[in-house]
Amino acid sequence: MKRNPISTALLRLGLGTLSLGLIACASSGPSRSAKAVETMEEAHAGLTKVRTQIDQTLASLGDVMNASPERLRPTYNRYSKDVDRLRADAVETKKRFQSMKTKKNDYIAVWGKEQGHVSDPELRQVGDSRRSEVRANLDRVIESLTVATETFDPFLSNLGDVQKVLGNDLTPAGQSLVASTAVAQGANDKGARVAQSIDVALLALSNMAGQMSSKSMK
């Protein structure tokens, strides 16, 4: 399935910057882990920003759909700005993030290579177990963000369509017609599915940080 730049950007939101820290780091284990935790926090912050903006945009959509005639223009202006901000947040992630799938494997491979130099069987087993936990959480992040990508594309497209159609007919009649469409009425459900998948990714990132640092993210 071909994805547009916006949906691709969302997928990269939780993947790319995280990978930069996981791979582009010092050779020592502690330095590598510290850098990984730092970039997890950056990824967590970026995801949280988009998650918050989804809620704000949906609230603005509700306001403009229910606005009185005298409040129609200001509520539309706020909604339009929120849609633009959500779109910009997604595009911005494309500049900050790169694909993580391959680099995740590289990171795990480097960790495994170092583990191979551990001579004590018990300690090697402990390290291998921890590495497996981190890999599993990375896989959960990728899976949840893939779901987010597949739902975010039509969701944002629908928000943009409402923005265009209502902007071209910013009247009570136009408002009523747009509000009656399946697109407007289904926006909250679509947004909830996107937000839910982002919440799963945020939890996975927090779990990863908890595994690799004594300080967990909130």
N, C-alpha and C. Protein backbone atom coordinates (compact mmCIF):
# COMPACT_ATOMS: atom_id res chain seq x y z
N MET A 1 0.84 -1.19 0.00
CA MET A 1 0.00 0.00 0.00
C MET A 1 0.88 1.25 0.00
N LYS A 2 0.64 2.15 -0.92
CA LYS A 2 1.43 3.36 -1.02
C LYS A 2 0.98 4.36 0.02
N ARG A 3 1.95 4.93 0.74
CA ARG A 3 1.61 5.91 1.77
C ARG A 3 2.05 7.30 1.35
N ASN A 4 1.25 8.32 1.70
CA ASN A 4 1.69 9.67 1.39
C ASN A 4 2.70 10.15 2.42
N PRO A 5 3.35 11.31 2.17
CA PRO A 5 4.41 11.77 3.08
C PRO A 5 3.93 11.99 4.50
N ILE A 6 2.66 12.33 4.68
CA ILE A 6 2.16 12.59 6.03
C ILE A 6 2.11 11.31 6.83
N SER A 7 1.54 10.24 6.24
CA SER A 7 1.44 8.98 6.99
C SER A 7 2.82 8.38 7.21
N THR A 8 3.71 8.52 6.20
CA THR A 8 5.07 8.03 6.37
C THR A 8 5.77 8.77 7.50
N ALA A 9 5.50 10.07 7.58
CA ALA A 9 6.11 10.87 8.64
C ALA A 9 5.66 10.42 10.01
N LEU A 10 4.39 10.07 10.14
CA LEU A 10 3.91 9.62 11.44
C LEU A 10 4.61 8.34 11.86
N LEU A 11 4.76 7.40 10.91
CA LEU A 11 5.47 6.17 11.24
C LEU A 11 6.88 6.48 11.72
N ARG A 12 7.52 7.46 11.07
CA ARG A 12 8.88 7.80 11.44
C ARG A 12 8.95 8.53 12.76
N LEU A 13 7.82 9.03 13.21
CA LEU A 13 7.79 9.79 14.45
C LEU A 13 8.41 9.05 15.61
N GLY A 14 7.99 7.79 15.80
CA GLY A 14 8.53 7.03 16.91
C GLY A 14 9.68 6.15 16.53
N LEU A 15 10.07 6.15 15.26
CA LEU A 15 11.08 5.20 14.80
C LEU A 15 12.43 5.85 14.54
N GLY A 16 12.45 6.94 13.77
CA GLY A 16 13.71 7.44 13.26
C GLY A 16 14.65 8.02 14.28
N THR A 17 14.19 9.00 15.06
CA THR A 17 15.08 9.61 16.03
C THR A 17 15.56 8.58 17.04
N LEU A 18 14.66 7.68 17.41
CA LEU A 18 15.06 6.61 18.32
C LEU A 18 16.22 5.82 17.73
N SER A 19 16.13 5.52 16.44
CA SER A 19 17.19 4.74 15.82
C SER A 19 18.50 5.49 15.77
N LEU A 20 18.45 6.80 15.56
CA LEU A 20 19.68 7.58 15.50
C LEU A 20 20.45 7.46 16.79
N GLY A 21 19.74 7.48 17.90
CA GLY A 21 20.41 7.35 19.18
C GLY A 21 20.85 5.95 19.47
N LEU A 22 20.09 4.97 18.95
CA LEU A 22 20.44 3.58 19.22
C LEU A 22 21.70 3.17 18.48
N ILE A 23 21.90 3.73 17.28
CA ILE A 23 23.02 3.28 16.48
C ILE A 23 24.20 4.23 16.56
N ALA A 24 23.93 5.55 16.41
CA ALA A 24 25.01 6.53 16.40
C ALA A 24 25.41 6.85 17.82
N CYS A 25 26.10 5.96 18.47
CA CYS A 25 26.46 6.14 19.85
C CYS A 25 27.82 5.53 20.13
N ALA A 26 28.34 5.78 21.32
CA ALA A 26 29.65 5.28 21.69
C ALA A 26 29.65 3.77 21.74
N SER A 27 30.85 3.18 21.65
CA SER A 27 30.95 1.73 21.58
C SER A 27 30.69 1.05 22.91
N SER A 28 30.88 1.74 24.02
CA SER A 28 30.69 1.11 25.32
C SER A 28 29.22 0.91 25.61
N GLY A 29 28.91 -0.17 26.35
CA GLY A 29 27.53 -0.48 26.68
C GLY A 29 26.82 0.63 27.44
N PRO A 30 27.41 1.15 28.54
CA PRO A 30 26.74 2.21 29.29
C PRO A 30 26.46 3.45 28.46
N SER A 31 27.42 3.86 27.63
CA SER A 31 27.20 5.05 26.80
C SER A 31 26.12 4.80 25.77
N ARG A 32 26.12 3.60 25.20
CA ARG A 32 25.10 3.26 24.21
C ARG A 32 23.72 3.25 24.84
N SER A 33 23.60 2.69 26.02
CA SER A 33 22.31 2.64 26.71
C SER A 33 21.83 4.03 27.09
N ALA A 34 22.76 4.87 27.57
CA ALA A 34 22.38 6.23 27.97
C ALA A 34 21.87 7.01 26.77
N LYS A 35 22.54 6.86 25.63
CA LYS A 35 22.11 7.55 24.42
C LYS A 35 20.76 7.03 23.95
N ALA A 36 20.57 5.73 24.06
CA ALA A 36 19.30 5.14 23.66
C ALA A 36 18.15 5.69 24.50
N VAL A 37 18.36 5.78 25.83
CA VAL A 37 17.33 6.31 26.71
C VAL A 37 17.04 7.76 26.37
N GLU A 38 18.08 8.53 26.09
CA GLU A 38 17.89 9.94 25.74
C GLU A 38 17.03 10.09 24.49
N THR A 39 17.29 9.29 23.47
CA THR A 39 16.52 9.40 22.25
C THR A 39 15.13 8.81 22.39
N MET A 40 14.97 7.84 23.29
CA MET A 40 13.62 7.36 23.60
C MET A 40 12.77 8.48 24.17
N GLU A 41 13.38 9.28 25.02
CA GLU A 41 12.66 10.41 25.61
C GLU A 41 12.27 11.42 24.54
N GLU A 42 13.16 11.63 23.55
CA GLU A 42 12.83 12.53 22.45
C GLU A 42 11.68 11.98 21.62
N ALA A 43 11.73 10.68 21.34
CA ALA A 43 10.65 10.05 20.59
C ALA A 43 9.34 10.11 21.36
N HIS A 44 9.43 9.87 22.66
CA HIS A 44 8.25 9.93 23.53
C HIS A 44 7.64 11.33 23.50
N ALA A 45 8.50 12.35 23.56
CA ALA A 45 8.01 13.73 23.54
C ALA A 45 7.34 14.06 22.20
N GLY A 46 7.93 13.59 21.11
CA GLY A 46 7.33 13.85 19.80
C GLY A 46 5.99 13.17 19.64
N LEU A 47 5.90 11.92 20.07
CA LEU A 47 4.62 11.21 20.00
C LEU A 47 3.56 11.87 20.87
N THR A 48 3.99 12.31 22.05
CA THR A 48 3.05 12.98 22.95
C THR A 48 2.50 14.25 22.34
N LYS A 49 3.36 14.96 21.62
CA LYS A 49 2.93 16.21 20.96
C LYS A 49 1.84 15.94 19.94
N VAL A 50 2.04 14.93 19.11
CA VAL A 50 1.04 14.58 18.11
C VAL A 50 -0.24 14.08 18.79
N ARG A 51 -0.07 13.28 19.82
CA ARG A 51 -1.23 12.74 20.55
C ARG A 51 -2.08 13.87 21.12
N THR A 52 -1.43 14.86 21.70
CA THR A 52 -2.14 16.01 22.27
C THR A 52 -2.82 16.83 21.18
N GLN A 53 -2.13 16.99 20.05
CA GLN A 53 -2.69 17.78 18.96
C GLN A 53 -3.90 17.11 18.33
N ILE A 54 -3.93 15.79 18.31
CA ILE A 54 -5.11 15.09 17.81
C ILE A 54 -6.33 15.44 18.67
N ASP A 55 -6.16 15.40 19.98
CA ASP A 55 -7.25 15.73 20.88
C ASP A 55 -7.71 17.18 20.68
N GLN A 56 -6.75 18.08 20.54
CA GLN A 56 -7.07 19.50 20.36
C GLN A 56 -7.83 19.72 19.05
N THR A 57 -7.40 19.05 18.00
CA THR A 57 -8.04 19.23 16.70
C THR A 57 -9.47 18.69 16.71
N LEU A 58 -9.67 17.56 17.36
CA LEU A 58 -11.02 17.00 17.46
C LEU A 58 -11.93 17.90 18.28
N ALA A 59 -11.38 18.50 19.34
CA ALA A 59 -12.17 19.43 20.14
C ALA A 59 -12.57 20.64 19.31
N SER A 60 -11.63 21.13 18.49
CA SER A 60 -11.93 22.28 17.63
C SER A 60 -12.97 21.92 16.57
N LEU A 61 -12.90 20.70 16.07
CA LEU A 61 -13.90 20.26 15.10
C LEU A 61 -15.28 20.25 15.73
N GLY A 62 -15.37 19.74 16.95
CA GLY A 62 -16.65 19.74 17.65
C GLY A 62 -17.18 21.14 17.86
N ASP A 63 -16.28 22.07 18.19
CA ASP A 63 -16.69 23.46 18.41
C ASP A 63 -17.26 24.09 17.15
N VAL A 64 -16.58 23.88 16.02
CA VAL A 64 -17.05 24.53 14.80
C VAL A 64 -18.33 23.88 14.28
N MET A 65 -18.50 22.58 14.51
CA MET A 65 -19.71 21.92 14.05
C MET A 65 -20.93 22.35 14.87
N ASN A 66 -20.70 22.81 16.10
CA ASN A 66 -21.80 23.19 16.98
C ASN A 66 -21.87 24.69 17.24
N ALA A 67 -21.08 25.46 16.50
CA ALA A 67 -21.00 26.90 16.75
C ALA A 67 -22.27 27.63 16.31
N SER A 68 -22.60 28.66 17.04
CA SER A 68 -23.69 29.55 16.63
C SER A 68 -23.20 30.38 15.44
N PRO A 69 -24.11 30.99 14.69
CA PRO A 69 -23.69 31.74 13.50
C PRO A 69 -22.62 32.79 13.79
N GLU A 70 -22.75 33.49 14.90
CA GLU A 70 -21.76 34.53 15.20
C GLU A 70 -20.41 33.96 15.63
N ARG A 71 -20.40 32.70 16.02
CA ARG A 71 -19.15 32.06 16.44
C ARG A 71 -18.56 31.15 15.36
N LEU A 72 -19.22 31.09 14.21
CA LEU A 72 -18.80 30.17 13.18
C LEU A 72 -17.40 30.49 12.65
N ARG A 73 -17.15 31.75 12.32
CA ARG A 73 -15.84 32.10 11.76
C ARG A 73 -14.70 31.91 12.76
N PRO A 74 -14.80 32.43 13.99
CA PRO A 74 -13.67 32.23 14.91
C PRO A 74 -13.42 30.76 15.26
N THR A 75 -14.49 29.98 15.37
CA THR A 75 -14.27 28.56 15.67
C THR A 75 -13.67 27.83 14.47
N TYR A 76 -14.07 28.24 13.27
CA TYR A 76 -13.47 27.65 12.07
C TYR A 76 -11.99 28.00 11.97
N ASN A 77 -11.68 29.25 12.24
CA ASN A 77 -10.27 29.68 12.18
C ASN A 77 -9.41 28.86 13.15
N ARG A 78 -9.94 28.62 14.33
CA ARG A 78 -9.19 27.82 15.30
C ARG A 78 -9.04 26.38 14.82
N TYR A 79 -10.13 25.83 14.28
CA TYR A 79 -10.06 24.46 13.75
C TYR A 79 -9.05 24.37 12.62
N SER A 80 -9.09 25.32 11.70
CA SER A 80 -8.18 25.31 10.57
C SER A 80 -6.73 25.38 11.03
N LYS A 81 -6.46 26.19 12.01
CA LYS A 81 -5.10 26.29 12.55
C LYS A 81 -4.68 24.98 13.21
N ASP A 82 -5.60 24.33 13.87
CA ASP A 82 -5.27 23.05 14.52
C ASP A 82 -4.98 21.96 13.50
N VAL A 83 -5.75 21.94 12.40
CA VAL A 83 -5.48 20.97 11.34
C VAL A 83 -4.10 21.23 10.73
N ASP A 84 -3.81 22.50 10.47
CA ASP A 84 -2.50 22.85 9.91
C ASP A 84 -1.37 22.47 10.87
N ARG A 85 -1.62 22.68 12.14
CA ARG A 85 -0.58 22.35 13.14
C ARG A 85 -0.37 20.84 13.21
N LEU A 86 -1.45 20.08 13.17
CA LEU A 86 -1.33 18.63 13.19
C LEU A 86 -0.58 18.14 11.96
N ARG A 87 -0.91 18.71 10.82
CA ARG A 87 -0.23 18.34 9.57
C ARG A 87 1.26 18.70 9.65
N ALA A 88 1.55 19.88 10.18
CA ALA A 88 2.94 20.32 10.29
C ALA A 88 3.73 19.46 11.27
N ASP A 89 3.08 19.06 12.36
CA ASP A 89 3.76 18.18 13.33
C ASP A 89 4.17 16.87 12.66
N ALA A 90 3.29 16.33 11.83
CA ALA A 90 3.60 15.08 11.14
C ALA A 90 4.72 15.28 10.13
N VAL A 91 4.67 16.37 9.36
CA VAL A 91 5.70 16.63 8.37
C VAL A 91 7.05 16.87 9.04
N GLU A 92 7.03 17.57 10.15
CA GLU A 92 8.28 17.87 10.86
C GLU A 92 9.00 16.61 11.30
N THR A 93 8.23 15.60 11.62
CA THR A 93 8.88 14.36 12.06
C THR A 93 9.70 13.74 10.93
N LYS A 94 9.34 14.02 9.70
CA LYS A 94 10.07 13.46 8.57
C LYS A 94 11.51 14.00 8.54
N LYS A 95 11.67 15.21 9.03
CA LYS A 95 13.00 15.82 9.07
C LYS A 95 13.83 15.27 10.22
N ARG A 96 13.18 14.81 11.27
CA ARG A 96 13.90 14.42 12.49
C ARG A 96 14.08 12.92 12.65
N PHE A 97 13.32 12.16 11.92
CA PHE A 97 13.36 10.72 12.12
C PHE A 97 13.70 9.96 10.84
N GLN A 98 14.32 8.84 10.97
CA GLN A 98 14.62 7.96 9.86
C GLN A 98 14.11 6.56 10.20
N SER A 99 14.08 5.74 9.20
CA SER A 99 13.57 4.39 9.42
C SER A 99 14.37 3.66 10.48
N MET A 100 13.65 2.91 11.33
CA MET A 100 14.31 2.25 12.45
C MET A 100 14.41 0.74 12.29
N LYS A 101 13.66 0.16 11.43
CA LYS A 101 13.60 -1.31 11.40
C LYS A 101 14.98 -1.94 11.21
N THR A 102 15.73 -1.47 10.21
CA THR A 102 17.05 -2.03 9.98
C THR A 102 18.00 -1.66 11.10
N LYS A 103 17.94 -0.40 11.55
CA LYS A 103 18.86 0.06 12.58
C LYS A 103 18.57 -0.59 13.92
N LYS A 104 17.30 -0.95 14.12
CA LYS A 104 16.98 -1.71 15.34
C LYS A 104 17.72 -3.04 15.33
N ASN A 105 17.71 -3.69 14.18
CA ASN A 105 18.41 -4.96 14.08
C ASN A 105 19.92 -4.78 14.27
N ASP A 106 20.45 -3.68 13.76
CA ASP A 106 21.89 -3.40 13.94
C ASP A 106 22.21 -3.22 15.42
N TYR A 107 21.36 -2.48 16.11
CA TYR A 107 21.59 -2.23 17.53
C TYR A 107 21.58 -3.54 18.33
N ILE A 108 20.55 -4.35 18.04
CA ILE A 108 20.45 -5.64 18.74
C ILE A 108 21.65 -6.53 18.39
N ALA A 109 22.10 -6.46 17.13
CA ALA A 109 23.24 -7.28 16.70
C ALA A 109 24.52 -6.88 17.42
N VAL A 110 24.73 -5.55 17.56
CA VAL A 110 25.92 -5.08 18.28
C VAL A 110 25.88 -5.55 19.72
N TRP A 111 24.73 -5.43 20.33
CA TRP A 111 24.56 -5.90 21.70
C TRP A 111 24.87 -7.40 21.79
N GLY A 112 24.33 -8.16 20.84
CA GLY A 112 24.56 -9.59 20.84
C GLY A 112 26.02 -9.94 20.63
N LYS A 113 26.70 -9.18 19.79
CA LYS A 113 28.12 -9.42 19.55
C LYS A 113 28.93 -9.23 20.82
N GLU A 114 28.60 -8.17 21.56
CA GLU A 114 29.29 -7.94 22.82
C GLU A 114 28.99 -9.04 23.83
N GLN A 115 27.73 -9.51 23.80
CA GLN A 115 27.34 -10.60 24.70
C GLN A 115 28.14 -11.88 24.40
N GLY A 116 28.50 -12.04 23.13
CA GLY A 116 29.24 -13.21 22.74
C GLY A 116 30.62 -13.29 23.36
N HIS A 117 31.11 -12.15 23.85
CA HIS A 117 32.42 -12.12 24.50
C HIS A 117 32.32 -12.36 26.00
N VAL A 118 31.10 -12.57 26.50
CA VAL A 118 30.93 -12.86 27.93
C VAL A 118 31.16 -14.36 28.12
N SER A 119 32.11 -14.68 28.95
CA SER A 119 32.48 -16.09 29.10
C SER A 119 31.61 -16.85 30.10
N ASP A 120 31.13 -16.16 31.13
CA ASP A 120 30.34 -16.85 32.15
C ASP A 120 28.94 -17.16 31.60
N PRO A 121 28.49 -18.39 31.61
CA PRO A 121 27.19 -18.76 31.04
C PRO A 121 26.01 -18.06 31.72
N GLU A 122 26.07 -17.94 33.04
CA GLU A 122 24.95 -17.32 33.74
C GLU A 122 24.82 -15.85 33.38
N LEU A 123 25.96 -15.13 33.37
CA LEU A 123 25.92 -13.72 33.01
C LEU A 123 25.52 -13.52 31.55
N ARG A 124 25.98 -14.42 30.69
CA ARG A 124 25.60 -14.32 29.28
C ARG A 124 24.10 -14.52 29.13
N GLN A 125 23.53 -15.42 29.91
CA GLN A 125 22.08 -15.67 29.84
C GLN A 125 21.30 -14.46 30.33
N VAL A 126 21.81 -13.82 31.39
CA VAL A 126 21.15 -12.61 31.90
C VAL A 126 21.13 -11.53 30.83
N GLY A 127 22.28 -11.30 30.18
CA GLY A 127 22.36 -10.28 29.13
C GLY A 127 21.47 -10.60 27.95
N ASP A 128 21.45 -11.87 27.55
CA ASP A 128 20.61 -12.27 26.42
C ASP A 128 19.13 -12.07 26.73
N SER A 129 18.74 -12.34 27.97
CA SER A 129 17.35 -12.18 28.37
C SER A 129 16.93 -10.71 28.31
N ARG A 130 17.82 -9.85 28.80
CA ARG A 130 17.51 -8.42 28.77
C ARG A 130 17.44 -7.90 27.34
N ARG A 131 18.33 -8.37 26.51
CA ARG A 131 18.34 -7.95 25.10
C ARG A 131 17.05 -8.38 24.41
N SER A 132 16.55 -9.55 24.75
CA SER A 132 15.30 -10.04 24.17
C SER A 132 14.12 -9.16 24.60
N GLU A 133 14.14 -8.71 25.85
CA GLU A 133 13.07 -7.84 26.33
C GLU A 133 13.05 -6.53 25.56
N VAL A 134 14.23 -5.94 25.36
CA VAL A 134 14.32 -4.68 24.63
C VAL A 134 13.86 -4.87 23.18
N ARG A 135 14.28 -5.97 22.56
CA ARG A 135 13.88 -6.24 21.19
C ARG A 135 12.35 -6.37 21.10
N ALA A 136 11.75 -7.04 22.07
CA ALA A 136 10.29 -7.23 22.05
C ALA A 136 9.58 -5.89 22.15
N ASN A 137 10.08 -4.99 22.99
CA ASN A 137 9.44 -3.68 23.10
C ASN A 137 9.65 -2.84 21.85
N LEU A 138 10.81 -2.95 21.22
CA LEU A 138 11.03 -2.26 19.96
C LEU A 138 10.05 -2.76 18.90
N ASP A 139 9.81 -4.05 18.88
CA ASP A 139 8.85 -4.61 17.94
C ASP A 139 7.44 -4.09 18.22
N ARG A 140 7.12 -3.93 19.50
CA ARG A 140 5.79 -3.40 19.85
C ARG A 140 5.65 -1.96 19.39
N VAL A 141 6.73 -1.17 19.53
CA VAL A 141 6.69 0.21 19.05
C VAL A 141 6.44 0.24 17.55
N ILE A 142 7.19 -0.57 16.81
CA ILE A 142 7.03 -0.61 15.36
C ILE A 142 5.62 -1.04 14.97
N GLU A 143 5.12 -2.07 15.63
CA GLU A 143 3.78 -2.57 15.31
C GLU A 143 2.71 -1.51 15.59
N SER A 144 2.80 -0.86 16.74
CA SER A 144 1.78 0.12 17.10
C SER A 144 1.85 1.34 16.19
N LEU A 145 3.04 1.73 15.78
CA LEU A 145 3.17 2.87 14.89
C LEU A 145 2.75 2.53 13.46
N THR A 146 2.89 1.29 13.08
CA THR A 146 2.38 0.86 11.78
C THR A 146 0.86 0.98 11.75
N VAL A 147 0.21 0.57 12.83
CA VAL A 147 -1.23 0.72 12.94
C VAL A 147 -1.61 2.20 12.91
N ALA A 148 -0.85 3.01 13.62
CA ALA A 148 -1.12 4.45 13.66
C ALA A 148 -1.01 5.05 12.27
N THR A 149 -0.01 4.61 11.52
CA THR A 149 0.17 5.10 10.15
C THR A 149 -1.04 4.78 9.28
N GLU A 150 -1.51 3.56 9.37
CA GLU A 150 -2.62 3.12 8.52
C GLU A 150 -3.92 3.83 8.86
N THR A 151 -4.07 4.25 10.10
CA THR A 151 -5.30 4.95 10.50
C THR A 151 -5.15 6.46 10.39
N PHE A 152 -3.92 6.97 10.53
CA PHE A 152 -3.71 8.41 10.52
C PHE A 152 -3.93 9.02 9.15
N ASP A 153 -3.54 8.32 8.11
CA ASP A 153 -3.65 8.85 6.75
C ASP A 153 -5.08 9.25 6.41
N PRO A 154 -6.05 8.34 6.46
CA PRO A 154 -7.43 8.75 6.14
C PRO A 154 -8.00 9.73 7.16
N PHE A 155 -7.57 9.62 8.41
CA PHE A 155 -8.05 10.54 9.45
C PHE A 155 -7.66 11.97 9.13
N LEU A 156 -6.38 12.20 8.83
CA LEU A 156 -5.93 13.54 8.52
C LEU A 156 -6.51 14.03 7.21
N SER A 157 -6.66 13.12 6.25
CA SER A 157 -7.27 13.49 4.98
C SER A 157 -8.70 13.98 5.19
N ASN A 158 -9.45 13.30 6.05
CA ASN A 158 -10.82 13.73 6.34
C ASN A 158 -10.87 15.09 7.02
N LEU A 159 -9.96 15.31 7.96
CA LEU A 159 -9.91 16.61 8.63
C LEU A 159 -9.62 17.72 7.62
N GLY A 160 -8.72 17.43 6.68
CA GLY A 160 -8.40 18.42 5.66
C GLY A 160 -9.56 18.67 4.72
N ASP A 161 -10.32 17.63 4.42
CA ASP A 161 -11.49 17.80 3.56
C ASP A 161 -12.54 18.69 4.22
N VAL A 162 -12.76 18.47 5.51
CA VAL A 162 -13.69 19.33 6.24
C VAL A 162 -13.20 20.77 6.22
N GLN A 163 -11.92 20.94 6.42
CA GLN A 163 -11.31 22.27 6.40
C GLN A 163 -11.57 22.97 5.06
N LYS A 164 -11.40 22.26 3.97
CA LYS A 164 -11.59 22.85 2.64
C LYS A 164 -13.05 23.14 2.34
N VAL A 165 -13.90 22.14 2.55
CA VAL A 165 -15.31 22.28 2.17
C VAL A 165 -15.99 23.36 3.00
N LEU A 166 -15.77 23.34 4.32
CA LEU A 166 -16.40 24.35 5.16
C LEU A 166 -15.80 25.72 4.91
N GLY A 167 -14.51 25.76 4.63
CA GLY A 167 -13.87 27.05 4.34
C GLY A 167 -14.42 27.70 3.09
N ASN A 168 -14.87 26.89 2.13
CA ASN A 168 -15.45 27.43 0.90
C ASN A 168 -16.91 27.81 1.06
N ASP A 169 -17.54 27.38 2.13
CA ASP A 169 -18.95 27.71 2.36
C ASP A 169 -19.16 27.92 3.86
N LEU A 170 -18.52 28.95 4.39
CA LEU A 170 -18.56 29.21 5.82
C LEU A 170 -19.84 29.94 6.18
N THR A 171 -20.92 29.18 6.11
CA THR A 171 -22.26 29.70 6.41
C THR A 171 -22.96 28.67 7.28
N PRO A 172 -24.03 29.06 7.97
CA PRO A 172 -24.78 28.07 8.75
C PRO A 172 -25.26 26.91 7.89
N ALA A 173 -25.63 27.19 6.63
CA ALA A 173 -26.08 26.11 5.75
C ALA A 173 -24.93 25.15 5.45
N GLY A 174 -23.77 25.70 5.15
CA GLY A 174 -22.60 24.86 4.88
C GLY A 174 -22.19 24.08 6.12
N GLN A 175 -22.25 24.72 7.25
CA GLN A 175 -21.93 24.05 8.52
C GLN A 175 -22.85 22.86 8.76
N SER A 176 -24.13 23.06 8.55
CA SER A 176 -25.11 22.00 8.79
C SER A 176 -24.88 20.82 7.85
N LEU A 177 -24.60 21.11 6.59
CA LEU A 177 -24.38 20.04 5.62
C LEU A 177 -23.12 19.23 5.96
N VAL A 178 -22.04 19.92 6.31
CA VAL A 178 -20.79 19.23 6.66
C VAL A 178 -20.99 18.40 7.93
N ALA A 179 -21.68 18.98 8.90
CA ALA A 179 -21.89 18.29 10.17
C ALA A 179 -22.69 17.00 10.00
N SER A 180 -23.50 16.92 8.96
CA SER A 180 -24.35 15.74 8.75
C SER A 180 -23.62 14.62 8.01
N THR A 181 -22.41 14.87 7.54
CA THR A 181 -21.69 13.86 6.76
C THR A 181 -21.09 12.78 7.66
N ALA A 182 -20.85 11.62 7.05
CA ALA A 182 -20.22 10.53 7.79
C ALA A 182 -18.79 10.89 8.19
N VAL A 183 -18.15 11.70 7.36
CA VAL A 183 -16.78 12.12 7.67
C VAL A 183 -16.72 12.89 8.98
N ALA A 184 -17.58 13.89 9.11
CA ALA A 184 -17.57 14.70 10.33
C ALA A 184 -18.04 13.88 11.53
N GLN A 185 -19.06 13.07 11.33
CA GLN A 185 -19.59 12.30 12.44
C GLN A 185 -18.67 11.16 12.88
N GLY A 186 -17.82 10.69 11.97
CA GLY A 186 -16.93 9.59 12.30
C GLY A 186 -15.53 10.03 12.70
N ALA A 187 -15.27 11.33 12.73
CA ALA A 187 -13.92 11.82 13.01
C ALA A 187 -13.44 11.42 14.40
N ASN A 188 -14.32 11.49 15.37
CA ASN A 188 -13.91 11.14 16.74
C ASN A 188 -13.51 9.67 16.85
N ASP A 189 -14.26 8.81 16.18
CA ASP A 189 -13.93 7.38 16.23
C ASP A 189 -12.59 7.11 15.57
N LYS A 190 -12.36 7.73 14.41
CA LYS A 190 -11.08 7.54 13.72
C LYS A 190 -9.93 8.11 14.55
N GLY A 191 -10.16 9.29 15.12
CA GLY A 191 -9.13 9.89 15.95
C GLY A 191 -8.82 9.05 17.17
N ALA A 192 -9.85 8.42 17.73
CA ALA A 192 -9.64 7.57 18.90
C ALA A 192 -8.79 6.36 18.56
N ARG A 193 -8.97 5.80 17.35
CA ARG A 193 -8.15 4.65 16.95
C ARG A 193 -6.70 5.05 16.76
N VAL A 194 -6.48 6.22 16.15
CA VAL A 194 -5.11 6.70 16.00
C VAL A 194 -4.48 6.96 17.36
N ALA A 195 -5.21 7.63 18.23
CA ALA A 195 -4.69 7.97 19.56
C ALA A 195 -4.40 6.71 20.36
N GLN A 196 -5.25 5.71 20.23
CA GLN A 196 -5.03 4.46 20.97
C GLN A 196 -3.74 3.79 20.54
N SER A 197 -3.47 3.77 19.24
CA SER A 197 -2.24 3.14 18.76
C SER A 197 -1.01 3.95 19.21
N ILE A 198 -1.14 5.26 19.29
CA ILE A 198 -0.04 6.07 19.78
C ILE A 198 0.18 5.81 21.27
N ASP A 199 -0.91 5.65 22.01
CA ASP A 199 -0.79 5.34 23.44
C ASP A 199 -0.03 4.04 23.66
N VAL A 200 -0.28 3.05 22.80
CA VAL A 200 0.43 1.78 22.90
C VAL A 200 1.92 2.00 22.67
N ALA A 201 2.25 2.82 21.67
CA ALA A 201 3.65 3.11 21.38
C ALA A 201 4.31 3.87 22.52
N LEU A 202 3.59 4.81 23.12
CA LEU A 202 4.12 5.56 24.25
C LEU A 202 4.42 4.64 25.43
N LEU A 203 3.52 3.69 25.67
CA LEU A 203 3.74 2.73 26.75
C LEU A 203 4.96 1.86 26.46
N ALA A 204 5.11 1.44 25.20
CA ALA A 204 6.26 0.62 24.84
C ALA A 204 7.56 1.39 25.03
N LEU A 205 7.57 2.67 24.65
CA LEU A 205 8.76 3.49 24.84
C LEU A 205 9.08 3.65 26.32
N SER A 206 8.05 3.86 27.13
CA SER A 206 8.27 4.00 28.57
C SER A 206 8.82 2.71 29.15
N ASN A 207 8.30 1.58 28.70
CA ASN A 207 8.80 0.30 29.18
C ASN A 207 10.26 0.10 28.81
N MET A 208 10.61 0.50 27.60
CA MET A 208 11.99 0.38 27.16
C MET A 208 12.92 1.24 28.02
N ALA A 209 12.50 2.46 28.28
CA ALA A 209 13.33 3.35 29.09
C ALA A 209 13.47 2.79 30.50
N GLY A 210 12.40 2.20 30.99
CA GLY A 210 12.46 1.60 32.32
C GLY A 210 13.42 0.42 32.37
N GLN A 211 13.51 -0.32 31.27
CA GLN A 211 14.42 -1.45 31.21
C GLN A 211 15.88 -1.02 31.17
N MET A 212 16.13 0.12 30.53
CA MET A 212 17.51 0.51 30.24
C MET A 212 18.03 1.63 31.12
N SER A 213 17.18 2.15 32.01
CA SER A 213 17.61 3.23 32.88
C SER A 213 16.90 3.13 34.22
N SER A 214 17.54 3.66 35.26
CA SER A 214 16.90 3.67 36.59
C SER A 214 15.82 4.73 36.66
N LYS A 215 15.79 5.64 35.64
CA LYS A 215 14.79 6.69 35.59
C LYS A 215 13.78 6.33 34.53
N SER A 216 12.51 6.22 34.91
CA SER A 216 11.47 5.91 33.94
C SER A 216 10.77 7.18 33.51
N MET A 217 10.22 7.17 32.28
CA MET A 217 9.50 8.33 31.77
C MET A 217 8.07 8.31 32.28
N LYS A 218 7.53 9.51 32.45
CA LYS A 218 6.12 9.64 32.84
C LYS A 218 5.27 9.82 31.61
